[in-house]
N, C-alpha and C. Protein backbone atom coordinates (compact mmCIF):
# COMPACT_ATOMS: atom_id res chain seq x y z
N MET A 1 0.84 -1.20 0.00
CA MET A 1 0.00 0.00 0.00
C MET A 1 0.88 1.24 0.00
N VAL A 2 0.53 2.23 -0.83
CA VAL A 2 1.29 3.47 -0.91
C VAL A 2 0.36 4.65 -0.60
N VAL A 3 0.96 5.80 -0.27
CA VAL A 3 0.16 6.93 0.20
C VAL A 3 0.13 8.10 -0.76
N ASN A 4 0.87 8.04 -1.87
CA ASN A 4 0.83 9.13 -2.84
C ASN A 4 1.05 8.60 -4.25
N GLY A 5 0.70 9.43 -5.24
CA GLY A 5 0.75 9.00 -6.62
C GLY A 5 2.14 8.74 -7.13
N GLU A 6 3.12 9.54 -6.71
CA GLU A 6 4.49 9.34 -7.17
C GLU A 6 5.03 7.98 -6.73
N ARG A 7 4.72 7.61 -5.49
CA ARG A 7 5.18 6.31 -4.99
C ARG A 7 4.47 5.18 -5.72
N ALA A 8 3.17 5.35 -6.01
CA ALA A 8 2.42 4.32 -6.74
C ALA A 8 3.02 4.12 -8.13
N TRP A 9 3.35 5.21 -8.80
CA TRP A 9 3.95 5.11 -10.14
C TRP A 9 5.32 4.45 -10.07
N SER A 10 6.08 4.76 -9.02
CA SER A 10 7.39 4.14 -8.84
C SER A 10 7.27 2.63 -8.68
N VAL A 11 6.30 2.19 -7.88
CA VAL A 11 6.10 0.75 -7.66
C VAL A 11 5.72 0.06 -8.96
N LEU A 12 4.88 0.70 -9.76
CA LEU A 12 4.43 0.10 -11.02
C LEU A 12 5.55 0.03 -12.06
N GLN A 13 6.65 0.72 -11.84
CA GLN A 13 7.78 0.66 -12.76
C GLN A 13 8.83 -0.35 -12.34
N GLU A 14 8.67 -0.93 -11.17
CA GLU A 14 9.65 -1.90 -10.69
C GLU A 14 9.59 -3.19 -11.51
N ARG A 15 10.69 -3.92 -11.47
CA ARG A 15 10.78 -5.16 -12.27
C ARG A 15 9.72 -6.17 -11.89
N ASP A 16 9.44 -6.28 -10.59
CA ASP A 16 8.43 -7.23 -10.11
C ASP A 16 7.15 -6.50 -9.73
N ALA A 17 6.76 -5.51 -10.52
CA ALA A 17 5.56 -4.71 -10.25
C ALA A 17 4.31 -5.59 -10.23
N PRO A 18 3.31 -5.24 -9.42
CA PRO A 18 2.07 -6.04 -9.37
C PRO A 18 1.35 -6.00 -10.70
N ARG A 19 0.72 -7.13 -11.06
CA ARG A 19 -0.05 -7.22 -12.30
C ARG A 19 -1.48 -6.74 -12.11
N LEU A 20 -1.91 -6.59 -10.88
CA LEU A 20 -3.24 -6.06 -10.57
C LEU A 20 -3.06 -4.96 -9.54
N ALA A 21 -3.52 -3.76 -9.88
CA ALA A 21 -3.33 -2.61 -8.98
C ALA A 21 -4.66 -1.93 -8.71
N ILE A 22 -4.92 -1.62 -7.44
CA ILE A 22 -6.09 -0.85 -7.03
C ILE A 22 -5.60 0.56 -6.71
N ILE A 23 -6.07 1.56 -7.46
CA ILE A 23 -5.53 2.91 -7.36
C ILE A 23 -6.66 3.89 -7.03
N ASP A 24 -6.41 4.73 -6.06
CA ASP A 24 -7.38 5.77 -5.71
C ASP A 24 -7.22 6.93 -6.69
N GLN A 25 -8.32 7.38 -7.25
CA GLN A 25 -8.28 8.49 -8.21
C GLN A 25 -7.70 9.75 -7.58
N ARG A 26 -7.92 9.96 -6.29
CA ARG A 26 -7.50 11.20 -5.64
C ARG A 26 -6.23 11.01 -4.80
N LEU A 27 -5.29 10.22 -5.29
CA LEU A 27 -4.01 10.11 -4.61
C LEU A 27 -3.31 11.48 -4.62
N PRO A 28 -2.67 11.86 -3.53
CA PRO A 28 -1.92 13.13 -3.53
C PRO A 28 -0.81 13.12 -4.58
N GLY A 29 -0.60 14.26 -5.18
CA GLY A 29 0.45 14.36 -6.19
C GLY A 29 -0.04 13.89 -7.54
N LEU A 30 0.39 12.72 -7.96
CA LEU A 30 -0.01 12.14 -9.23
C LEU A 30 -1.33 11.40 -9.05
N ASN A 31 -2.41 11.84 -9.74
CA ASN A 31 -3.70 11.20 -9.51
C ASN A 31 -3.84 9.88 -10.29
N GLY A 32 -4.89 9.15 -9.98
CA GLY A 32 -5.08 7.82 -10.55
C GLY A 32 -5.21 7.82 -12.06
N ILE A 33 -5.92 8.78 -12.62
CA ILE A 33 -6.10 8.83 -14.07
C ILE A 33 -4.76 9.06 -14.78
N GLU A 34 -3.92 9.92 -14.24
CA GLU A 34 -2.61 10.17 -14.85
C GLU A 34 -1.73 8.93 -14.78
N ILE A 35 -1.82 8.18 -13.69
CA ILE A 35 -1.07 6.94 -13.57
C ILE A 35 -1.52 5.95 -14.63
N CYS A 36 -2.84 5.85 -14.83
CA CYS A 36 -3.36 4.95 -15.87
C CYS A 36 -2.84 5.33 -17.25
N LYS A 37 -2.85 6.62 -17.56
CA LYS A 37 -2.37 7.09 -18.86
C LYS A 37 -0.89 6.75 -19.06
N ARG A 38 -0.09 6.98 -18.04
CA ARG A 38 1.34 6.71 -18.15
C ARG A 38 1.62 5.22 -18.35
N LEU A 39 0.89 4.41 -17.62
CA LEU A 39 1.11 2.96 -17.70
C LEU A 39 0.74 2.44 -19.08
N ARG A 40 -0.39 2.88 -19.63
CA ARG A 40 -0.81 2.40 -20.95
C ARG A 40 0.11 2.92 -22.06
N ALA A 41 0.70 4.07 -21.86
CA ALA A 41 1.60 4.63 -22.87
C ALA A 41 2.90 3.85 -22.98
N ARG A 42 3.21 3.02 -21.97
CA ARG A 42 4.49 2.28 -21.98
C ARG A 42 4.49 1.10 -22.93
N ARG A 43 3.30 0.57 -23.26
CA ARG A 43 3.19 -0.61 -24.12
C ARG A 43 4.02 -1.78 -23.57
N ASP A 44 3.75 -2.14 -22.32
CA ASP A 44 4.48 -3.23 -21.68
C ASP A 44 4.23 -4.57 -22.37
N PRO A 45 5.20 -5.49 -22.32
CA PRO A 45 4.99 -6.82 -22.90
C PRO A 45 4.00 -7.66 -22.10
N PHE A 46 3.72 -7.26 -20.86
CA PHE A 46 2.74 -7.95 -20.02
C PHE A 46 1.61 -6.97 -19.72
N TYR A 47 0.49 -7.50 -19.23
CA TYR A 47 -0.67 -6.64 -18.97
C TYR A 47 -0.83 -6.40 -17.48
N THR A 48 -1.20 -5.17 -17.12
CA THR A 48 -1.51 -4.82 -15.74
C THR A 48 -2.97 -4.41 -15.66
N PHE A 49 -3.73 -5.06 -14.80
CA PHE A 49 -5.15 -4.75 -14.62
C PHE A 49 -5.26 -3.62 -13.60
N LEU A 50 -5.94 -2.55 -14.00
CA LEU A 50 -6.05 -1.36 -13.16
C LEU A 50 -7.49 -1.15 -12.71
N LEU A 51 -7.70 -1.19 -11.41
CA LEU A 51 -9.01 -0.92 -10.81
C LEU A 51 -8.93 0.43 -10.12
N LEU A 52 -9.74 1.39 -10.58
CA LEU A 52 -9.67 2.76 -10.07
C LEU A 52 -10.79 3.00 -9.07
N LEU A 53 -10.43 3.52 -7.91
CA LEU A 53 -11.40 3.89 -6.88
C LEU A 53 -11.83 5.33 -7.13
N MET A 54 -13.12 5.55 -7.37
CA MET A 54 -13.64 6.87 -7.73
C MET A 54 -14.35 7.52 -6.54
N PRO A 55 -14.29 8.85 -6.43
CA PRO A 55 -14.92 9.54 -5.30
C PRO A 55 -16.43 9.69 -5.44
N ASN A 56 -17.00 9.36 -6.60
CA ASN A 56 -18.44 9.54 -6.80
C ASN A 56 -18.93 8.56 -7.84
N THR A 57 -20.22 8.59 -8.10
CA THR A 57 -20.83 7.66 -9.05
C THR A 57 -21.17 8.34 -10.37
N TYR A 58 -20.62 9.52 -10.64
CA TYR A 58 -20.94 10.22 -11.88
C TYR A 58 -20.43 9.43 -13.08
N ARG A 59 -21.33 9.19 -14.02
CA ARG A 59 -20.99 8.38 -15.18
C ARG A 59 -19.86 9.00 -16.01
N VAL A 60 -19.87 10.34 -16.15
CA VAL A 60 -18.85 10.98 -16.96
C VAL A 60 -17.46 10.77 -16.37
N GLU A 61 -17.36 10.76 -15.05
CA GLU A 61 -16.08 10.54 -14.39
C GLU A 61 -15.57 9.12 -14.63
N HIS A 62 -16.49 8.17 -14.61
CA HIS A 62 -16.11 6.79 -14.85
C HIS A 62 -15.67 6.60 -16.30
N LEU A 63 -16.35 7.24 -17.23
CA LEU A 63 -15.97 7.14 -18.64
C LEU A 63 -14.58 7.73 -18.87
N LEU A 64 -14.30 8.83 -18.20
CA LEU A 64 -12.98 9.45 -18.31
C LEU A 64 -11.90 8.51 -17.79
N ALA A 65 -12.20 7.83 -16.69
CA ALA A 65 -11.24 6.89 -16.13
C ALA A 65 -10.98 5.72 -17.08
N LEU A 66 -12.04 5.19 -17.68
CA LEU A 66 -11.88 4.07 -18.61
C LEU A 66 -11.11 4.50 -19.85
N GLU A 67 -11.36 5.71 -20.32
CA GLU A 67 -10.63 6.21 -21.48
C GLU A 67 -9.15 6.42 -21.17
N SER A 68 -8.83 6.67 -19.92
CA SER A 68 -7.44 6.88 -19.54
C SER A 68 -6.66 5.58 -19.44
N GLY A 69 -7.36 4.45 -19.44
CA GLY A 69 -6.68 3.17 -19.39
C GLY A 69 -7.08 2.27 -18.24
N ALA A 70 -7.97 2.74 -17.36
CA ALA A 70 -8.45 1.88 -16.28
C ALA A 70 -9.30 0.74 -16.85
N ASP A 71 -9.19 -0.43 -16.24
CA ASP A 71 -9.99 -1.58 -16.69
C ASP A 71 -11.36 -1.59 -16.03
N ASP A 72 -11.45 -1.06 -14.82
CA ASP A 72 -12.71 -1.06 -14.09
C ASP A 72 -12.67 0.08 -13.08
N CYS A 73 -13.85 0.52 -12.67
CA CYS A 73 -13.98 1.60 -11.68
C CYS A 73 -14.98 1.16 -10.62
N ILE A 74 -14.77 1.66 -9.43
CA ILE A 74 -15.71 1.39 -8.35
C ILE A 74 -15.84 2.67 -7.52
N ALA A 75 -17.08 3.08 -7.27
CA ALA A 75 -17.33 4.33 -6.56
C ALA A 75 -17.26 4.12 -5.05
N LYS A 76 -16.69 5.06 -4.36
CA LYS A 76 -16.65 5.03 -2.90
C LYS A 76 -17.89 5.74 -2.33
N PRO A 77 -18.42 5.27 -1.23
CA PRO A 77 -17.97 4.08 -0.48
C PRO A 77 -18.46 2.78 -1.10
N PHE A 78 -17.74 1.71 -0.90
CA PHE A 78 -18.10 0.41 -1.43
C PHE A 78 -17.97 -0.63 -0.32
N ASN A 79 -18.62 -1.78 -0.51
CA ASN A 79 -18.51 -2.83 0.50
C ASN A 79 -17.47 -3.86 0.08
N GLN A 80 -17.07 -4.69 1.01
CA GLN A 80 -16.01 -5.67 0.79
C GLN A 80 -16.38 -6.67 -0.30
N GLU A 81 -17.65 -7.07 -0.33
CA GLU A 81 -18.09 -8.06 -1.32
C GLU A 81 -17.94 -7.51 -2.74
N GLU A 82 -18.31 -6.25 -2.93
CA GLU A 82 -18.21 -5.66 -4.27
C GLU A 82 -16.75 -5.55 -4.70
N LEU A 83 -15.89 -5.13 -3.79
CA LEU A 83 -14.46 -5.01 -4.12
C LEU A 83 -13.88 -6.37 -4.49
N CYS A 84 -14.21 -7.39 -3.71
CA CYS A 84 -13.69 -8.74 -3.99
C CYS A 84 -14.16 -9.24 -5.35
N ALA A 85 -15.42 -8.92 -5.70
CA ALA A 85 -15.95 -9.35 -6.99
C ALA A 85 -15.20 -8.68 -8.14
N ARG A 86 -14.91 -7.39 -8.00
CA ARG A 86 -14.17 -6.66 -9.05
C ARG A 86 -12.74 -7.19 -9.16
N VAL A 87 -12.12 -7.49 -8.04
CA VAL A 87 -10.76 -8.04 -8.05
C VAL A 87 -10.74 -9.40 -8.73
N GLU A 88 -11.77 -10.20 -8.50
CA GLU A 88 -11.84 -11.52 -9.13
C GLU A 88 -11.95 -11.39 -10.64
N ILE A 89 -12.67 -10.38 -11.13
CA ILE A 89 -12.73 -10.12 -12.57
C ILE A 89 -11.32 -9.85 -13.10
N GLY A 90 -10.57 -9.03 -12.37
CA GLY A 90 -9.20 -8.74 -12.78
C GLY A 90 -8.34 -9.99 -12.83
N ARG A 91 -8.48 -10.87 -11.86
CA ARG A 91 -7.71 -12.10 -11.85
C ARG A 91 -8.04 -12.98 -13.05
N ARG A 92 -9.31 -13.03 -13.43
CA ARG A 92 -9.70 -13.82 -14.60
C ARG A 92 -9.09 -13.23 -15.87
N VAL A 93 -9.12 -11.90 -15.98
CA VAL A 93 -8.53 -11.25 -17.15
C VAL A 93 -7.03 -11.56 -17.24
N LEU A 94 -6.33 -11.47 -16.12
CA LEU A 94 -4.89 -11.75 -16.11
C LEU A 94 -4.61 -13.22 -16.40
N GLY A 95 -5.52 -14.09 -15.98
CA GLY A 95 -5.36 -15.51 -16.29
C GLY A 95 -5.45 -15.76 -17.78
N ILE A 96 -6.39 -15.10 -18.45
CA ILE A 96 -6.51 -15.22 -19.90
C ILE A 96 -5.27 -14.64 -20.58
N ASP A 97 -4.79 -13.50 -20.09
CA ASP A 97 -3.59 -12.89 -20.67
C ASP A 97 -2.39 -13.81 -20.53
N GLN A 98 -2.25 -14.47 -19.39
CA GLN A 98 -1.14 -15.40 -19.18
C GLN A 98 -1.23 -16.58 -20.13
N HIS A 99 -2.45 -17.07 -20.33
CA HIS A 99 -2.66 -18.20 -21.25
C HIS A 99 -2.27 -17.81 -22.68
N LEU A 100 -2.66 -16.61 -23.10
CA LEU A 100 -2.32 -16.15 -24.45
C LEU A 100 -0.81 -15.94 -24.58
N THR A 101 -0.16 -15.48 -23.52
CA THR A 101 1.29 -15.30 -23.54
C THR A 101 1.99 -16.64 -23.73
N GLU A 102 1.50 -17.66 -23.05
CA GLU A 102 2.10 -19.00 -23.19
C GLU A 102 1.90 -19.54 -24.60
N ILE A 103 0.72 -19.30 -25.18
CA ILE A 103 0.48 -19.74 -26.55
C ILE A 103 1.42 -19.01 -27.51
N ASN A 104 1.60 -17.70 -27.29
CA ASN A 104 2.50 -16.93 -28.15
C ASN A 104 3.94 -17.41 -28.04
N SER A 105 4.35 -17.78 -26.83
CA SER A 105 5.71 -18.29 -26.63
C SER A 105 5.93 -19.60 -27.38
N ARG A 106 4.92 -20.48 -27.34
CA ARG A 106 5.04 -21.74 -28.07
C ARG A 106 5.05 -21.48 -29.57
N TRP A 107 4.22 -20.52 -30.01
CA TRP A 107 4.21 -20.17 -31.43
C TRP A 107 5.55 -19.61 -31.85
N ARG A 108 6.16 -18.77 -31.00
CA ARG A 108 7.46 -18.18 -31.28
C ARG A 108 8.52 -19.26 -31.44
N ALA A 109 8.51 -20.25 -30.53
CA ALA A 109 9.48 -21.34 -30.60
C ALA A 109 9.29 -22.16 -31.87
N MET A 110 8.03 -22.42 -32.23
CA MET A 110 7.75 -23.18 -33.44
C MET A 110 8.20 -22.42 -34.69
N LEU A 111 7.95 -21.10 -34.70
CA LEU A 111 8.33 -20.27 -35.84
C LEU A 111 9.85 -20.25 -36.02
N ASP A 112 10.58 -20.14 -34.93
CA ASP A 112 12.03 -20.11 -35.01
C ASP A 112 12.63 -21.43 -35.45
N ALA A 113 11.88 -22.51 -35.26
CA ALA A 113 12.38 -23.83 -35.65
C ALA A 113 12.11 -24.16 -37.12
N LEU A 114 11.35 -23.33 -37.81
CA LEU A 114 11.04 -23.60 -39.22
C LEU A 114 12.30 -23.52 -40.08
N PRO A 115 12.41 -24.36 -41.11
CA PRO A 115 13.60 -24.36 -41.97
C PRO A 115 13.59 -23.25 -43.02
N PHE A 116 12.54 -22.43 -43.06
CA PHE A 116 12.47 -21.32 -44.02
C PHE A 116 12.22 -20.03 -43.27
N GLY A 117 12.59 -18.91 -43.89
CA GLY A 117 12.45 -17.61 -43.25
C GLY A 117 11.04 -17.08 -43.34
N VAL A 118 10.58 -16.41 -42.27
CA VAL A 118 9.25 -15.81 -42.23
C VAL A 118 9.39 -14.40 -41.64
N ALA A 119 8.76 -13.42 -42.31
CA ALA A 119 8.79 -12.04 -41.82
C ALA A 119 7.45 -11.39 -42.08
N THR A 120 7.00 -10.54 -41.16
CA THR A 120 5.77 -9.77 -41.36
C THR A 120 6.08 -8.28 -41.19
N VAL A 121 5.31 -7.45 -41.91
CA VAL A 121 5.50 -6.00 -41.85
C VAL A 121 4.18 -5.32 -41.52
N ASP A 122 4.28 -4.06 -41.06
CA ASP A 122 3.08 -3.27 -40.79
C ASP A 122 2.68 -2.51 -42.05
N GLU A 123 1.74 -1.57 -41.91
CA GLU A 123 1.22 -0.84 -43.07
C GLU A 123 2.28 0.03 -43.75
N ARG A 124 3.34 0.36 -43.03
CA ARG A 124 4.40 1.19 -43.61
C ARG A 124 5.53 0.35 -44.20
N GLY A 125 5.39 -0.98 -44.15
CA GLY A 125 6.43 -1.84 -44.67
C GLY A 125 7.57 -2.07 -43.71
N ILE A 126 7.36 -1.78 -42.42
CA ILE A 126 8.39 -1.93 -41.41
C ILE A 126 8.30 -3.32 -40.78
N LEU A 127 9.43 -3.99 -40.65
CA LEU A 127 9.47 -5.33 -40.09
C LEU A 127 9.03 -5.33 -38.63
N LYS A 128 8.02 -6.16 -38.33
CA LYS A 128 7.48 -6.26 -36.98
C LYS A 128 7.76 -7.61 -36.33
N ARG A 129 7.93 -8.64 -37.15
CA ARG A 129 8.19 -9.98 -36.61
C ARG A 129 8.97 -10.78 -37.63
N VAL A 130 10.06 -11.38 -37.21
CA VAL A 130 10.85 -12.24 -38.08
C VAL A 130 11.32 -13.45 -37.27
N ASN A 131 11.54 -14.56 -37.94
CA ASN A 131 12.07 -15.71 -37.23
C ASN A 131 13.59 -15.78 -37.39
N CYS A 132 14.21 -16.70 -36.66
CA CYS A 132 15.67 -16.81 -36.66
C CYS A 132 16.21 -17.15 -38.04
N THR A 133 15.48 -17.98 -38.78
CA THR A 133 15.95 -18.38 -40.11
C THR A 133 16.01 -17.18 -41.04
N PHE A 134 14.98 -16.33 -41.01
CA PHE A 134 14.98 -15.14 -41.86
C PHE A 134 16.15 -14.22 -41.51
N ALA A 135 16.41 -14.03 -40.21
CA ALA A 135 17.53 -13.19 -39.80
C ALA A 135 18.84 -13.73 -40.36
N ARG A 136 19.03 -15.03 -40.27
CA ARG A 136 20.26 -15.64 -40.80
C ARG A 136 20.35 -15.48 -42.30
N GLN A 137 19.21 -15.66 -42.99
CA GLN A 137 19.21 -15.51 -44.45
C GLN A 137 19.61 -14.11 -44.89
N MET A 138 19.28 -13.12 -44.06
CA MET A 138 19.61 -11.73 -44.39
C MET A 138 20.97 -11.30 -43.87
N GLY A 139 21.68 -12.25 -43.23
CA GLY A 139 23.03 -11.95 -42.76
C GLY A 139 23.11 -11.40 -41.35
N TYR A 140 22.06 -11.61 -40.54
CA TYR A 140 22.03 -11.12 -39.17
C TYR A 140 22.08 -12.30 -38.20
N THR A 141 22.54 -12.03 -36.99
CA THR A 141 22.67 -13.10 -36.01
C THR A 141 21.45 -13.25 -35.11
N HIS A 142 20.61 -12.20 -35.02
CA HIS A 142 19.46 -12.27 -34.13
C HIS A 142 18.29 -11.52 -34.74
N PRO A 143 17.06 -12.03 -34.62
CA PRO A 143 15.88 -11.37 -35.19
C PRO A 143 15.69 -9.93 -34.72
N GLN A 144 16.05 -9.64 -33.45
CA GLN A 144 15.85 -8.29 -32.91
C GLN A 144 16.60 -7.23 -33.71
N GLN A 145 17.67 -7.62 -34.37
CA GLN A 145 18.45 -6.66 -35.15
C GLN A 145 17.69 -6.16 -36.38
N LEU A 146 16.67 -6.90 -36.80
CA LEU A 146 15.93 -6.55 -38.00
C LEU A 146 14.66 -5.75 -37.71
N LEU A 147 14.13 -5.87 -36.52
CA LEU A 147 12.86 -5.22 -36.21
C LEU A 147 12.99 -3.70 -36.34
N GLY A 148 12.01 -3.10 -37.01
CA GLY A 148 12.03 -1.66 -37.22
C GLY A 148 12.64 -1.24 -38.54
N GLN A 149 13.24 -2.17 -39.27
CA GLN A 149 13.82 -1.85 -40.57
C GLN A 149 12.77 -1.94 -41.68
N SER A 150 13.05 -1.29 -42.79
CA SER A 150 12.18 -1.37 -43.96
C SER A 150 12.45 -2.67 -44.70
N LEU A 151 11.41 -3.47 -44.91
CA LEU A 151 11.58 -4.74 -45.61
C LEU A 151 12.02 -4.50 -47.06
N ASP A 152 11.43 -3.52 -47.71
CA ASP A 152 11.77 -3.24 -49.10
C ASP A 152 13.25 -2.89 -49.25
N ARG A 153 13.75 -2.04 -48.38
CA ARG A 153 15.15 -1.64 -48.45
C ARG A 153 16.06 -2.82 -48.13
N LEU A 154 15.68 -3.62 -47.14
CA LEU A 154 16.47 -4.78 -46.77
C LEU A 154 16.62 -5.75 -47.93
N LEU A 155 15.49 -6.03 -48.61
CA LEU A 155 15.54 -6.97 -49.72
C LEU A 155 16.42 -6.46 -50.85
N ARG A 156 16.36 -5.18 -51.10
CA ARG A 156 17.15 -4.64 -52.21
C ARG A 156 18.64 -4.55 -51.86
N GLU A 157 18.95 -4.51 -50.57
CA GLU A 157 20.35 -4.51 -50.15
C GLU A 157 20.93 -5.92 -50.14
N ARG A 158 20.10 -6.91 -49.79
CA ARG A 158 20.61 -8.26 -49.57
C ARG A 158 20.35 -9.23 -50.72
N ILE A 159 19.25 -9.01 -51.47
CA ILE A 159 18.91 -9.95 -52.54
C ILE A 159 18.45 -9.19 -53.78
N ASP A 160 17.95 -9.90 -54.76
CA ASP A 160 17.35 -9.32 -55.96
C ASP A 160 18.36 -8.51 -56.77
N LEU A 161 19.45 -9.15 -57.15
CA LEU A 161 20.49 -8.47 -57.94
C LEU A 161 19.99 -8.00 -59.29
N HIS A 162 19.01 -8.68 -59.84
CA HIS A 162 18.58 -8.39 -61.20
C HIS A 162 17.22 -7.69 -61.28
N GLY A 163 16.73 -7.14 -60.16
CA GLY A 163 15.50 -6.37 -60.17
C GLY A 163 14.25 -7.18 -60.42
N VAL A 164 14.24 -8.45 -60.02
CA VAL A 164 13.07 -9.31 -60.25
C VAL A 164 11.85 -8.78 -59.51
N LEU A 165 12.05 -8.24 -58.29
CA LEU A 165 10.92 -7.77 -57.50
C LEU A 165 10.21 -6.59 -58.15
N ASP A 166 10.91 -5.87 -59.03
CA ASP A 166 10.26 -4.76 -59.73
C ASP A 166 9.24 -5.25 -60.75
N GLN A 167 9.31 -6.53 -61.09
CA GLN A 167 8.42 -7.09 -62.11
C GLN A 167 7.14 -7.66 -61.52
N ILE A 168 7.02 -7.69 -60.20
CA ILE A 168 5.81 -8.20 -59.56
C ILE A 168 5.10 -7.06 -58.85
N ALA A 169 3.84 -7.25 -58.56
CA ALA A 169 3.06 -6.23 -57.83
C ALA A 169 3.39 -6.36 -56.35
N TRP A 170 4.40 -5.62 -55.90
CA TRP A 170 4.85 -5.71 -54.52
C TRP A 170 3.73 -5.38 -53.54
N ARG A 171 3.66 -6.11 -52.48
CA ARG A 171 2.61 -6.05 -51.46
C ARG A 171 1.37 -6.84 -51.85
N GLU A 172 1.34 -7.41 -53.05
CA GLU A 172 0.24 -8.30 -53.44
C GLU A 172 0.75 -9.74 -53.42
N PRO A 173 -0.15 -10.73 -53.37
CA PRO A 173 0.30 -12.12 -53.29
C PRO A 173 1.14 -12.53 -54.50
N PHE A 174 2.19 -13.29 -54.24
CA PHE A 174 2.97 -13.90 -55.31
C PHE A 174 3.56 -15.21 -54.80
N ASP A 175 3.85 -16.12 -55.71
CA ASP A 175 4.32 -17.45 -55.34
C ASP A 175 5.59 -17.82 -56.08
N ASN A 176 6.52 -18.38 -55.34
CA ASN A 176 7.68 -19.05 -55.91
C ASN A 176 8.46 -18.17 -56.90
N VAL A 177 8.81 -16.97 -56.45
CA VAL A 177 9.61 -16.06 -57.28
C VAL A 177 11.08 -16.30 -56.96
N GLU A 178 11.87 -16.55 -57.98
CA GLU A 178 13.29 -16.84 -57.81
C GLU A 178 14.12 -15.57 -57.91
N VAL A 179 14.96 -15.33 -56.91
CA VAL A 179 15.84 -14.16 -56.90
C VAL A 179 17.23 -14.60 -56.47
N THR A 180 18.21 -13.72 -56.65
CA THR A 180 19.59 -14.01 -56.30
C THR A 180 19.96 -13.25 -55.03
N ARG A 181 20.50 -13.95 -54.07
CA ARG A 181 20.91 -13.34 -52.81
C ARG A 181 22.37 -12.93 -52.88
N ARG A 182 22.65 -11.74 -52.41
CA ARG A 182 24.03 -11.28 -52.35
C ARG A 182 24.78 -12.07 -51.28
N ALA A 183 26.01 -12.40 -51.55
CA ALA A 183 26.83 -13.13 -50.59
C ALA A 183 27.99 -12.24 -50.16
N LEU A 184 28.27 -12.24 -48.85
CA LEU A 184 29.33 -11.39 -48.34
C LEU A 184 30.71 -11.97 -48.59
N ARG A 185 30.85 -13.27 -48.38
CA ARG A 185 32.16 -13.89 -48.52
C ARG A 185 32.17 -15.08 -49.47
N ALA A 186 31.03 -15.42 -50.01
CA ALA A 186 30.95 -16.57 -50.91
C ALA A 186 30.20 -16.16 -52.17
N ARG A 187 30.03 -17.11 -53.08
CA ARG A 187 29.32 -16.79 -54.32
C ARG A 187 27.84 -16.57 -54.04
N SER A 188 27.18 -15.83 -54.92
CA SER A 188 25.76 -15.56 -54.76
C SER A 188 24.96 -16.85 -54.94
N THR A 189 23.80 -16.90 -54.26
CA THR A 189 22.95 -18.09 -54.34
C THR A 189 21.53 -17.69 -54.73
N THR A 190 20.79 -18.66 -55.24
CA THR A 190 19.41 -18.45 -55.63
C THR A 190 18.48 -18.85 -54.50
N ILE A 191 17.51 -18.00 -54.18
CA ILE A 191 16.50 -18.33 -53.19
C ILE A 191 15.13 -18.05 -53.78
N ARG A 192 14.09 -18.56 -53.10
CA ARG A 192 12.72 -18.39 -53.60
C ARG A 192 11.88 -17.66 -52.56
N LEU A 193 10.96 -16.81 -53.06
CA LEU A 193 10.12 -15.99 -52.20
C LEU A 193 8.65 -16.26 -52.44
N TRP A 194 7.87 -16.19 -51.37
CA TRP A 194 6.41 -16.23 -51.44
C TRP A 194 5.89 -15.04 -50.63
N GLY A 195 4.86 -14.39 -51.09
CA GLY A 195 4.29 -13.25 -50.36
C GLY A 195 2.78 -13.33 -50.31
N ARG A 196 2.20 -12.87 -49.20
CA ARG A 196 0.74 -12.86 -49.09
C ARG A 196 0.31 -11.74 -48.16
N ALA A 197 -0.85 -11.16 -48.47
CA ALA A 197 -1.43 -10.12 -47.62
C ALA A 197 -2.10 -10.76 -46.40
N ILE A 198 -2.10 -10.04 -45.27
CA ILE A 198 -2.75 -10.47 -44.04
C ILE A 198 -3.77 -9.40 -43.65
N THR A 199 -4.95 -9.82 -43.23
CA THR A 199 -5.99 -8.87 -42.85
C THR A 199 -6.28 -8.96 -41.36
N GLY A 200 -6.83 -7.86 -40.83
CA GLY A 200 -7.30 -7.87 -39.45
C GLY A 200 -6.30 -7.42 -38.41
N ASN A 201 -5.06 -7.09 -38.81
CA ASN A 201 -4.06 -6.67 -37.84
C ASN A 201 -3.13 -5.64 -38.47
N PRO A 202 -3.24 -4.36 -38.09
CA PRO A 202 -2.40 -3.31 -38.70
C PRO A 202 -0.93 -3.50 -38.42
N GLU A 203 -0.58 -4.31 -37.41
CA GLU A 203 0.82 -4.57 -37.10
C GLU A 203 1.41 -5.67 -37.98
N ALA A 204 0.56 -6.38 -38.72
CA ALA A 204 1.05 -7.45 -39.61
C ALA A 204 0.12 -7.51 -40.82
N VAL A 205 0.43 -6.71 -41.85
CA VAL A 205 -0.43 -6.64 -43.03
C VAL A 205 0.11 -7.44 -44.21
N TYR A 206 1.37 -7.88 -44.10
CA TYR A 206 1.95 -8.63 -45.21
C TYR A 206 2.99 -9.59 -44.66
N GLU A 207 3.05 -10.80 -45.24
CA GLU A 207 3.99 -11.82 -44.80
C GLU A 207 4.84 -12.29 -45.96
N LEU A 208 6.13 -12.43 -45.71
CA LEU A 208 7.08 -12.90 -46.71
C LEU A 208 7.70 -14.19 -46.22
N VAL A 209 7.79 -15.19 -47.12
CA VAL A 209 8.45 -16.47 -46.80
C VAL A 209 9.64 -16.62 -47.74
N VAL A 210 10.78 -16.98 -47.19
CA VAL A 210 12.02 -17.12 -47.96
C VAL A 210 12.55 -18.53 -47.79
N GLN A 211 12.77 -19.22 -48.92
CA GLN A 211 13.28 -20.60 -48.89
C GLN A 211 14.60 -20.68 -49.63
N GLU A 212 15.55 -21.32 -48.99
CA GLU A 212 16.85 -21.53 -49.61
C GLU A 212 16.85 -22.86 -50.35
N PRO A 213 17.77 -23.04 -51.30
CA PRO A 213 17.85 -24.31 -52.02
C PRO A 213 18.23 -25.45 -51.07
N GLN A 214 17.69 -26.60 -51.32
CA GLN A 214 17.97 -27.76 -50.46
C GLN A 214 19.38 -28.29 -50.74
């Protein structure tokens, strides 16, 4: 338990910060809504459930709290049963988040084990997800080194010596296009590319698959 907003924000930034936090809107110093805004702006890899204690039952105040990033609000005064019920909702939400995280981790391991390269880009063509094979194919040692780069620029630096990609409708589906990969210390090699559009996720609108010769 903390007594002011600055201390609450400090605790939420710690490495072992709580995943479920009950925050009073009228904490001295930094108020609850500002804490919610700051926490959501961080884009943490894990989720924190925020329950905001409100000084009144005004609907507009609750809407403002939810818009700031709070998951739930409860007006004071409240009884123990109501608080426990709201906390239980938070625990269920965090349980679902943990389950999805475990699924994503297994998917990540499976993707990295594939014998061909896989990369996805956002609407601007920026690499958002790549597997280990794709990183190696592009001459990098770790996928993290590629994230944030332009896929189009990367391909033109590393492969496509003869401008084959200029002959296809880039960003549209294509199958089994043969291109030449630049080699840093050895002779150039031929690889094959497949591309397809992805819908429903602005962070992954296009996927590229790269296969090396057997």
